[in-house]
Each structure stands twice: as structure tokens, then as C-alpha cells.
Amino acid sequence: MVLHRKSEIGTSKTLKHNPMSEKTQTILIGALSILTLSAGFLGLLFIFPLLETERVEDLIRIGFIFLASAIFFSSGVVSLAIIKKRKRH
């Protein structure tokens, strides 16, 4: 990976410093994607038994937890799909 940095006078300097290889980055992002996906799934499982409450305040709280869990789960799925697509090409 080559990074470009603008200097003060407008010319471009090329930086060749890359602390991680592309394979290491893919493995790290894949592990974080699986962690995010599982956190969202566990959050969705956690709120399922709580839906039997009759208090409106509890239902609102459960709705926020559901929304956060759904965002975690979907972002994990999307990032895994992007990684799989990058591996094919």
C-alpha cells in the first residue's frame, strides 16, 4: 500500500511504510466482523425473553437494544460479504 502526503508547497511525497500486510489486515478485519456479528446476534437473543413485559419504559429500552443489535449484526454480515468478495477477485 502506497500512501501519499501533500507537503507544504503542494507536491506529493510517497510513503512506503506499511506496518501490516494485506493478508494480516484481511484476517484482522474478518475476526472483527465475526465478533461484531456475534455481538449483534447475542444482543438479539438477550432481548427475546424481555418482550413479555407490560411496561412501556421497558419496551422502549428493549427497542433501543434491538436497534443496536440489528446494526451490529448487519454490519458484521456486510463486512464479511465484502471480505469474501475481495478474496474472489
PDB file of N, CA and C in Angstrom:
ATOM      1  N   MET A   1       0.847  -1.162   0.000  1.00  0.00           N
ATOM      2  CA  MET A   1       0.000   0.000   0.000  1.00  0.00           C
ATOM      3  C   MET A   1       0.897   1.230   0.000  1.00  0.00           C
ATOM      4  N   VAL A   2       0.626   2.126  -0.894  1.00  0.00           N
ATOM      5  CA  VAL A   2       1.411   3.342  -1.001  1.00  0.00           C
ATOM      6  C   VAL A   2       0.541   4.504  -0.557  1.00  0.00           C
ATOM      7  N   LEU A   3       1.041   5.273   0.382  1.00  0.00           N
ATOM      8  CA  LEU A   3       0.316   6.433   0.886  1.00  0.00           C
ATOM      9  C   LEU A   3       0.915   7.701   0.294  1.00  0.00           C
ATOM     10  N   HIS A   4       0.077   8.680   0.038  1.00  0.00           N
ATOM     11  CA  HIS A   4       0.531   9.958  -0.481  1.00  0.00           C
ATOM     12  C   HIS A   4       0.249  11.042   0.554  1.00  0.00           C
ATOM     13  N   ARG A   5       1.210  11.922   0.710  1.00  0.00           N
ATOM     14  CA  ARG A   5       1.034  13.038   1.641  1.00  0.00           C
ATOM     15  C   ARG A   5       1.388  14.333   0.912  1.00  0.00           C
ATOM     16  N   LYS A   6       0.545  15.323   1.068  1.00  0.00           N
ATOM     17  CA  LYS A   6       0.816  16.636   0.473  1.00  0.00           C
ATOM     18  C   LYS A   6       1.780  17.397   1.366  1.00  0.00           C
ATOM     19  N   SER A   7       2.787  17.965   0.767  1.00  0.00           N
ATOM     20  CA  SER A   7       3.699  18.799   1.547  1.00  0.00           C
ATOM     21  C   SER A   7       3.192  20.236   1.533  1.00  0.00           C
ATOM     22  N   GLU A   8       3.946  21.103   2.144  1.00  0.00           N
ATOM     23  CA  GLU A   8       3.504  22.489   2.269  1.00  0.00           C
ATOM     24  C   GLU A   8       3.423  23.201   0.919  1.00  0.00           C
ATOM     25  N   ILE A   9       4.269  22.829  -0.035  1.00  0.00           N
ATOM     26  CA  ILE A   9       4.274  23.550  -1.305  1.00  0.00           C
ATOM     27  C   ILE A   9       3.397  22.892  -2.365  1.00  0.00           C
ATOM     28  N   GLY A  10       2.691  21.804  -2.009  1.00  0.00           N
ATOM     29  CA  GLY A  10       1.739  21.233  -2.951  1.00  0.00           C
ATOM     30  C   GLY A  10       2.239  20.016  -3.693  1.00  0.00           C
ATOM     31  N   THR A  11       3.487  19.623  -3.542  1.00  0.00           N
ATOM     32  CA  THR A  11       3.953  18.420  -4.216  1.00  0.00           C
ATOM     33  C   THR A  11       3.584  17.200  -3.382  1.00  0.00           C
ATOM     34  N   SER A  12       3.597  16.055  -4.008  1.00  0.00           N
ATOM     35  CA  SER A  12       3.185  14.828  -3.341  1.00  0.00           C
ATOM     36  C   SER A  12       4.415  13.991  -2.996  1.00  0.00           C
ATOM     37  N   LYS A  13       4.509  13.554  -1.744  1.00  0.00           N
ATOM     38  CA  LYS A  13       5.577  12.660  -1.316  1.00  0.00           C
ATOM     39  C   LYS A  13       4.978  11.269  -1.123  1.00  0.00           C
ATOM     40  N   THR A  14       5.694  10.260  -1.546  1.00  0.00           N
ATOM     41  CA  THR A  14       5.213   8.904  -1.423  1.00  0.00           C
ATOM     42  C   THR A  14       5.794   8.268  -0.174  1.00  0.00           C
ATOM     43  N   LEU A  15       4.912   7.693   0.658  1.00  0.00           N
ATOM     44  CA  LEU A  15       5.339   6.991   1.864  1.00  0.00           C
ATOM     45  C   LEU A  15       5.200   5.494   1.616  1.00  0.00           C
ATOM     46  N   LYS A  16       6.224   4.734   1.902  1.00  0.00           N
ATOM     47  CA  LYS A  16       6.188   3.299   1.660  1.00  0.00           C
ATOM     48  C   LYS A  16       6.144   2.510   2.956  1.00  0.00           C
ATOM     49  N   HIS A  17       5.757   3.136   4.035  1.00  0.00           N
ATOM     50  CA  HIS A  17       5.686   2.459   5.320  1.00  0.00           C
ATOM     51  C   HIS A  17       4.336   1.765   5.446  1.00  0.00           C
ATOM     52  N   ASN A  18       4.362   0.449   5.590  1.00  0.00           N
ATOM     53  CA  ASN A  18       3.138  -0.328   5.767  1.00  0.00           C
ATOM     54  C   ASN A  18       3.369  -1.315   6.898  1.00  0.00           C
ATOM     55  N   PRO A  19       2.783  -1.075   8.081  1.00  0.00           N
ATOM     56  CA  PRO A  19       3.064  -1.938   9.221  1.00  0.00           C
ATOM     57  C   PRO A  19       2.432  -3.327   9.128  1.00  0.00           C
ATOM     58  N   MET A  20       1.365  -3.503   8.341  1.00  0.00           N
ATOM     59  CA  MET A  20       0.696  -4.797   8.223  1.00  0.00           C
ATOM     60  C   MET A  20       0.553  -5.193   6.768  1.00  0.00           C
ATOM     61  N   SER A  21       0.696  -6.483   6.513  1.00  0.00           N
ATOM     62  CA  SER A  21       0.483  -6.965   5.157  1.00  0.00           C
ATOM     63  C   SER A  21      -1.018  -7.033   4.873  1.00  0.00           C
ATOM     64  N   GLU A  22      -1.363  -7.215   3.623  1.00  0.00           N
ATOM     65  CA  GLU A  22      -2.774  -7.262   3.246  1.00  0.00           C
ATOM     66  C   GLU A  22      -3.453  -8.499   3.825  1.00  0.00           C
ATOM     67  N   LYS A  23      -2.729  -9.614   3.916  1.00  0.00           N
ATOM     68  CA  LYS A  23      -3.298 -10.831   4.491  1.00  0.00           C
ATOM     69  C   LYS A  23      -3.601 -10.638   5.972  1.00  0.00           C
ATOM     70  N   THR A  24      -2.696  -9.978   6.697  1.00  0.00           N
ATOM     71  CA  THR A  24      -2.919  -9.716   8.120  1.00  0.00           C
ATOM     72  C   THR A  24      -4.116  -8.793   8.319  1.00  0.00           C
ATOM     73  N   GLN A  25      -4.240  -7.790   7.473  1.00  0.00           N
ATOM     74  CA  GLN A  25      -5.383  -6.884   7.558  1.00  0.00           C
ATOM     75  C   GLN A  25      -6.689  -7.623   7.300  1.00  0.00           C
ATOM     76  N   THR A  26      -6.695  -8.525   6.314  1.00  0.00           N
ATOM     77  CA  THR A  26      -7.899  -9.286   5.996  1.00  0.00           C
ATOM     78  C   THR A  26      -8.295 -10.191   7.156  1.00  0.00           C
ATOM     79  N   ILE A  27      -7.312 -10.834   7.778  1.00  0.00           N
ATOM     80  CA  ILE A  27      -7.600 -11.709   8.920  1.00  0.00           C
ATOM     81  C   ILE A  27      -8.135 -10.895  10.093  1.00  0.00           C
ATOM     82  N   LEU A  28      -7.531  -9.751  10.359  1.00  0.00           N
ATOM     83  CA  LEU A  28      -7.968  -8.903  11.471  1.00  0.00           C
ATOM     84  C   LEU A  28      -9.378  -8.368  11.244  1.00  0.00           C
ATOM     85  N   ILE A  29      -9.653  -7.903  10.043  1.00  0.00           N
ATOM     86  CA  ILE A  29     -10.985  -7.386   9.734  1.00  0.00           C
ATOM     87  C   ILE A  29     -12.015  -8.503   9.766  1.00  0.00           C
ATOM     88  N   GLY A  30     -11.637  -9.703   9.307  1.00  0.00           N
ATOM     89  CA  GLY A  30     -12.550 -10.843   9.378  1.00  0.00           C
ATOM     90  C   GLY A  30     -12.884 -11.218  10.808  1.00  0.00           C
ATOM     91  N   ALA A  31     -11.874 -11.212  11.688  1.00  0.00           N
ATOM     92  CA  ALA A  31     -12.119 -11.533  13.097  1.00  0.00           C
ATOM     93  C   ALA A  31     -13.013 -10.483  13.753  1.00  0.00           C
ATOM     94  N   LEU A  32     -12.766  -9.212  13.448  1.00  0.00           N
ATOM     95  CA  LEU A  32     -13.621  -8.152  13.999  1.00  0.00           C
ATOM     96  C   LEU A  32     -15.043  -8.230  13.444  1.00  0.00           C
ATOM     97  N   SER A  33     -15.183  -8.644  12.194  1.00  0.00           N
ATOM     98  CA  SER A  33     -16.515  -8.798  11.605  1.00  0.00           C
ATOM     99  C   SER A  33     -17.287  -9.910  12.290  1.00  0.00           C
ATOM    100  N   ILE A  34     -16.612 -11.028  12.552  1.00  0.00           N
ATOM    101  CA  ILE A  34     -17.263 -12.141  13.237  1.00  0.00           C
ATOM    102  C   ILE A  34     -17.619 -11.748  14.661  1.00  0.00           C
ATOM    103  N   LEU A  35     -16.748 -11.002  15.324  1.00  0.00           N
ATOM    104  CA  LEU A  35     -17.032 -10.536  16.681  1.00  0.00           C
ATOM    105  C   LEU A  35     -18.241  -9.600  16.695  1.00  0.00           C
ATOM    106  N   THR A  36     -18.317  -8.696  15.734  1.00  0.00           N
ATOM    107  CA  THR A  36     -19.450  -7.772  15.636  1.00  0.00           C
ATOM    108  C   THR A  36     -20.746  -8.521  15.335  1.00  0.00           C
ATOM    109  N   LEU A  37     -20.664  -9.475  14.424  1.00  0.00           N
ATOM    110  CA  LEU A  37     -21.829 -10.274  14.073  1.00  0.00           C
ATOM    111  C   LEU A  37     -22.332 -11.060  15.278  1.00  0.00           C
ATOM    112  N   SER A  38     -21.416 -11.674  16.026  1.00  0.00           N
ATOM    113  CA  SER A  38     -21.842 -12.462  17.188  1.00  0.00           C
ATOM    114  C   SER A  38     -22.377 -11.570  18.313  1.00  0.00           C
ATOM    115  N   ALA A  39     -21.813 -10.378  18.480  1.00  0.00           N
ATOM    116  CA  ALA A  39     -22.334  -9.453  19.494  1.00  0.00           C
ATOM    117  C   ALA A  39     -23.766  -9.035  19.151  1.00  0.00           C
ATOM    118  N   GLY A  40     -24.027  -8.773  17.894  1.00  0.00           N
ATOM    119  CA  GLY A  40     -25.383  -8.433  17.479  1.00  0.00           C
ATOM    120  C   GLY A  40     -26.347  -9.585  17.660  1.00  0.00           C
ATOM    121  N   PHE A  41     -25.900 -10.794  17.340  1.00  0.00           N
ATOM    122  CA  PHE A  41     -26.743 -11.974  17.496  1.00  0.00           C
ATOM    123  C   PHE A  41     -27.059 -12.230  18.966  1.00  0.00           C
ATOM    124  N   LEU A  42     -26.052 -12.113  19.824  1.00  0.00           N
ATOM    125  CA  LEU A  42     -26.281 -12.317  21.257  1.00  0.00           C
ATOM    126  C   LEU A  42     -27.196 -11.231  21.835  1.00  0.00           C
ATOM    127  N   GLY A  43     -27.071 -10.009  21.335  1.00  0.00           N
ATOM    128  CA  GLY A  43     -27.976  -8.942  21.770  1.00  0.00           C
ATOM    129  C   GLY A  43     -29.414  -9.226  21.383  1.00  0.00           C
ATOM    130  N   LEU A  44     -29.606  -9.757  20.174  1.00  0.00           N
ATOM    131  CA  LEU A  44     -30.963 -10.107  19.741  1.00  0.00           C
ATOM    132  C   LEU A  44     -31.525 -11.267  20.564  1.00  0.00           C
ATOM    133  N   LEU A  45     -30.674 -12.233  20.901  1.00  0.00           N
ATOM    134  CA  LEU A  45     -31.131 -13.334  21.757  1.00  0.00           C
ATOM    135  C   LEU A  45     -31.434 -12.856  23.173  1.00  0.00           C
ATOM    136  N   PHE A  46     -30.685 -11.870  23.653  1.00  0.00           N
ATOM    137  CA  PHE A  46     -30.860 -11.359  25.003  1.00  0.00           C
ATOM    138  C   PHE A  46     -32.215 -10.685  25.178  1.00  0.00           C
ATOM    139  N   ILE A  47     -32.684  -9.960  24.170  1.00  0.00           N
ATOM    140  CA  ILE A  47     -33.929  -9.211  24.337  1.00  0.00           C
ATOM    141  C   ILE A  47     -35.171 -10.043  24.066  1.00  0.00           C
ATOM    142  N   PHE A  48     -35.007 -11.202  23.461  1.00  0.00           N
ATOM    143  CA  PHE A  48     -36.178 -12.007  23.121  1.00  0.00           C
ATOM    144  C   PHE A  48     -37.045 -12.335  24.338  1.00  0.00           C
ATOM    145  N   PRO A  49     -36.497 -12.828  25.464  1.00  0.00           N
ATOM    146  CA  PRO A  49     -37.364 -13.114  26.616  1.00  0.00           C
ATOM    147  C   PRO A  49     -37.914 -11.857  27.301  1.00  0.00           C
ATOM    148  N   LEU A  50     -37.304 -10.714  27.066  1.00  0.00           N
ATOM    149  CA  LEU A  50     -37.753  -9.485  27.724  1.00  0.00           C
ATOM    150  C   LEU A  50     -38.977  -8.858  27.066  1.00  0.00           C
ATOM    151  N   LEU A  51     -39.391  -9.390  25.930  1.00  0.00           N
ATOM    152  CA  LEU A  51     -40.528  -8.801  25.203  1.00  0.00           C
ATOM    153  C   LEU A  51     -41.871  -9.041  25.879  1.00  0.00           C
ATOM    154  N   GLU A  52     -41.920  -9.858  26.907  1.00  0.00           N
ATOM    155  CA  GLU A  52     -43.178 -10.166  27.583  1.00  0.00           C
ATOM    156  C   GLU A  52     -43.586  -9.115  28.612  1.00  0.00           C
ATOM    157  N   THR A  53     -42.811  -8.075  28.762  1.00  0.00           N
ATOM    158  CA  THR A  53     -43.117  -7.056  29.756  1.00  0.00           C
ATOM    159  C   THR A  53     -44.310  -6.208  29.326  1.00  0.00           C
ATOM    160  N   GLU A  54     -44.962  -5.618  30.314  1.00  0.00           N
ATOM    161  CA  GLU A  54     -46.110  -4.760  30.030  1.00  0.00           C
ATOM    162  C   GLU A  54     -45.786  -3.284  30.221  1.00  0.00           C
ATOM    163  N   ARG A  55     -44.621  -2.985  30.746  1.00  0.00           N
ATOM    164  CA  ARG A  55     -44.252  -1.586  30.987  1.00  0.00           C
ATOM    165  C   ARG A  55     -43.730  -0.956  29.699  1.00  0.00           C
ATOM    166  N   VAL A  56     -44.213   0.222  29.403  1.00  0.00           N
ATOM    167  CA  VAL A  56     -43.820   0.923  28.183  1.00  0.00           C
ATOM    168  C   VAL A  56     -42.340   1.316  28.231  1.00  0.00           C
ATOM    169  N   GLU A  57     -41.848   1.684  29.406  1.00  0.00           N
ATOM    170  CA  GLU A  57     -40.451   2.086  29.534  1.00  0.00           C
ATOM    171  C   GLU A  57     -39.523   0.932  29.181  1.00  0.00           C
ATOM    172  N   ASP A  58     -39.889  -0.272  29.617  1.00  0.00           N
ATOM    173  CA  ASP A  58     -39.080  -1.444  29.295  1.00  0.00           C
ATOM    174  C   ASP A  58     -39.115  -1.741  27.804  1.00  0.00           C
ATOM    175  N   LEU A  59     -40.262  -1.567  27.182  1.00  0.00           N
ATOM    176  CA  LEU A  59     -40.361  -1.817  25.741  1.00  0.00           C
ATOM    177  C   LEU A  59     -39.533  -0.818  24.937  1.00  0.00           C
ATOM    178  N   ILE A  60     -39.495   0.429  25.397  1.00  0.00           N
ATOM    179  CA  ILE A  60     -38.668   1.425  24.712  1.00  0.00           C
ATOM    180  C   ILE A  60     -37.191   1.070  24.852  1.00  0.00           C
ATOM    181  N   ARG A  61     -36.790   0.667  26.063  1.00  0.00           N
ATOM    182  CA  ARG A  61     -35.401   0.261  26.282  1.00  0.00           C
ATOM    183  C   ARG A  61     -35.050  -0.955  25.422  1.00  0.00           C
ATOM    184  N   ILE A  62     -35.950  -1.912  25.352  1.00  0.00           N
ATOM    185  CA  ILE A  62     -35.726  -3.105  24.543  1.00  0.00           C
ATOM    186  C   ILE A  62     -35.633  -2.738  23.059  1.00  0.00           C
ATOM    187  N   GLY A  63     -36.415  -1.745  22.646  1.00  0.00           N
ATOM    188  CA  GLY A  63     -36.350  -1.296  21.253  1.00  0.00           C
ATOM    189  C   GLY A  63     -34.994  -0.718  20.896  1.00  0.00           C
ATOM    190  N   PHE A  64     -34.409   0.055  21.818  1.00  0.00           N
ATOM    191  CA  PHE A  64     -33.066   0.589  21.560  1.00  0.00           C
ATOM    192  C   PHE A  64     -32.022  -0.515  21.517  1.00  0.00           C
ATOM    193  N   ILE A  65     -32.146  -1.491  22.400  1.00  0.00           N
ATOM    194  CA  ILE A  65     -31.215  -2.618  22.383  1.00  0.00           C
ATOM    195  C   ILE A  65     -31.370  -3.413  21.091  1.00  0.00           C
ATOM    196  N   PHE A  66     -32.624  -3.597  20.654  1.00  0.00           N
ATOM    197  CA  PHE A  66     -32.862  -4.298  19.397  1.00  0.00           C
ATOM    198  C   PHE A  66     -32.242  -3.560  18.214  1.00  0.00           C
ATOM    199  N   LEU A  67     -32.414  -2.250  18.189  1.00  0.00           N
ATOM    200  CA  LEU A  67     -31.858  -1.453  17.102  1.00  0.00           C
ATOM    201  C   LEU A  67     -30.332  -1.550  17.072  1.00  0.00           C
ATOM    202  N   ALA A  68     -29.685  -1.425  18.214  1.00  0.00           N
ATOM    203  CA  ALA A  68     -28.225  -1.527  18.274  1.00  0.00           C
ATOM    204  C   ALA A  68     -27.757  -2.919  17.864  1.00  0.00           C
ATOM    205  N   SER A  69     -28.452  -3.948  18.323  1.00  0.00           N
ATOM    206  CA  SER A  69     -28.076  -5.319  17.970  1.00  0.00           C
ATOM    207  C   SER A  69     -28.254  -5.575  16.478  1.00  0.00           C
ATOM    208  N   ALA A  70     -29.313  -5.052  15.913  1.00  0.00           N
ATOM    209  CA  ALA A  70     -29.543  -5.225  14.474  1.00  0.00           C
ATOM    210  C   ALA A  70     -28.472  -4.513  13.658  1.00  0.00           C
ATOM    211  N   ILE A  71     -28.033  -3.353  14.104  1.00  0.00           N
ATOM    212  CA  ILE A  71     -26.969  -2.632  13.406  1.00  0.00           C
ATOM    213  C   ILE A  71     -25.662  -3.407  13.492  1.00  0.00           C
ATOM    214  N   PHE A  72     -25.344  -3.926  14.685  1.00  0.00           N
ATOM    215  CA  PHE A  72     -24.131  -4.741  14.828  1.00  0.00           C
ATOM    216  C   PHE A  72     -24.193  -5.972  13.925  1.00  0.00           C
ATOM    217  N   PHE A  73     -25.301  -6.671  13.946  1.00  0.00           N
ATOM    218  CA  PHE A  73     -25.432  -7.898  13.163  1.00  0.00           C
ATOM    219  C   PHE A  73     -25.306  -7.614  11.669  1.00  0.00           C
ATOM    220  N   SER A  74     -26.009  -6.597  11.199  1.00  0.00           N
ATOM    221  CA  SER A  74     -25.974  -6.301   9.758  1.00  0.00           C
ATOM    222  C   SER A  74     -24.611  -5.785   9.315  1.00  0.00           C
ATOM    223  N   SER A  75     -23.941  -5.010  10.152  1.00  0.00           N
ATOM    224  CA  SER A  75     -22.606  -4.535   9.754  1.00  0.00           C
ATOM    225  C   SER A  75     -21.612  -5.685   9.722  1.00  0.00           C
ATOM    226  N   GLY A  76     -21.761  -6.663  10.602  1.00  0.00           N
ATOM    227  CA  GLY A  76     -20.907  -7.845  10.552  1.00  0.00           C
ATOM    228  C   GLY A  76     -21.128  -8.644   9.282  1.00  0.00           C
ATOM    229  N   VAL A  77     -22.386  -8.799   8.890  1.00  0.00           N
ATOM    230  CA  VAL A  77     -22.707  -9.545   7.671  1.00  0.00           C
ATOM    231  C   VAL A  77     -22.163  -8.825   6.441  1.00  0.00           C
ATOM    232  N   VAL A  78     -22.343  -7.517   6.381  1.00  0.00           N
ATOM    233  CA  VAL A  78     -21.889  -6.743   5.220  1.00  0.00           C
ATOM    234  C   VAL A  78     -20.356  -6.779   5.108  1.00  0.00           C
ATOM    235  N   SER A  79     -19.657  -6.615   6.234  1.00  0.00           N
ATOM    236  CA  SER A  79     -18.198  -6.619   6.161  1.00  0.00           C
ATOM    237  C   SER A  79     -17.661  -7.999   5.792  1.00  0.00           C
ATOM    238  N   LEU A  80     -18.300  -9.068   6.267  1.00  0.00           N
ATOM    239  CA  LEU A  80     -17.882 -10.407   5.842  1.00  0.00           C
ATOM    240  C   LEU A  80     -18.127 -10.621   4.350  1.00  0.00           C
ATOM    241  N   ALA A  81     -19.224 -10.100   3.844  1.00  0.00           N
ATOM    242  CA  ALA A  81     -19.511 -10.223   2.412  1.00  0.00           C
ATOM    243  C   ALA A  81     -18.479  -9.467   1.576  1.00  0.00           C
ATOM    244  N   ILE A  82     -18.071  -8.307   2.049  1.00  0.00           N
ATOM    245  CA  ILE A  82     -17.054  -7.538   1.320  1.00  0.00           C
ATOM    246  C   ILE A  82     -15.723  -8.273   1.326  1.00  0.00           C
ATOM    247  N   ILE A  83     -15.364  -8.874   2.456  1.00  0.00           N
ATOM    248  CA  ILE A  83     -14.110  -9.625   2.535  1.00  0.00           C
ATOM    249  C   ILE A  83     -14.146 -10.827   1.601  1.00  0.00           C
ATOM    250  N   LYS A  84     -15.247 -11.549   1.575  1.00  0.00           N
ATOM    251  CA  LYS A  84     -15.371 -12.710   0.689  1.00  0.00           C
ATOM    252  C   LYS A  84     -15.285 -12.279  -0.773  1.00  0.00           C
ATOM    253  N   LYS A  85     -15.875 -11.139  -1.107  1.00  0.00           N
ATOM    254  CA  LYS A  85     -15.830 -10.657  -2.494  1.00  0.00           C
ATOM    255  C   LYS A  85     -14.405 -10.264  -2.881  1.00  0.00           C
ATOM    256  N   ARG A  86     -13.673  -9.647  -1.955  1.00  0.00           N
ATOM    257  CA  ARG A  86     -12.286  -9.253  -2.226  1.00  0.00           C
ATOM    258  C   ARG A  86     -11.392 -10.474  -2.423  1.00  0.00           C
ATOM    259  N   LYS A  87     -11.663 -11.563  -1.698  1.00  0.00           N
ATOM    260  CA  LYS A  87     -10.851 -12.775  -1.829  1.00  0.00           C
ATOM    261  C   LYS A  87     -11.043 -13.431  -3.172  1.00  0.00           C
ATOM    262  N   ARG A  88     -12.238 -13.330  -3.751  1.00  0.00           N
ATOM    263  CA  ARG A  88     -12.512 -13.940  -5.046  1.00  0.00           C
ATOM    264  C   ARG A  88     -11.811 -13.217  -6.180  1.00  0.00           C
ATOM    265  N   HIS A  89     -11.629 -11.937  -6.067  1.00  0.00           N
ATOM    266  CA  HIS A  89     -11.027 -11.159  -7.176  1.00  0.00           C
ATOM    267  C   HIS A  89      -9.568 -10.994  -7.010  1.00  0.00           C
TER     268      HIS A  89
END
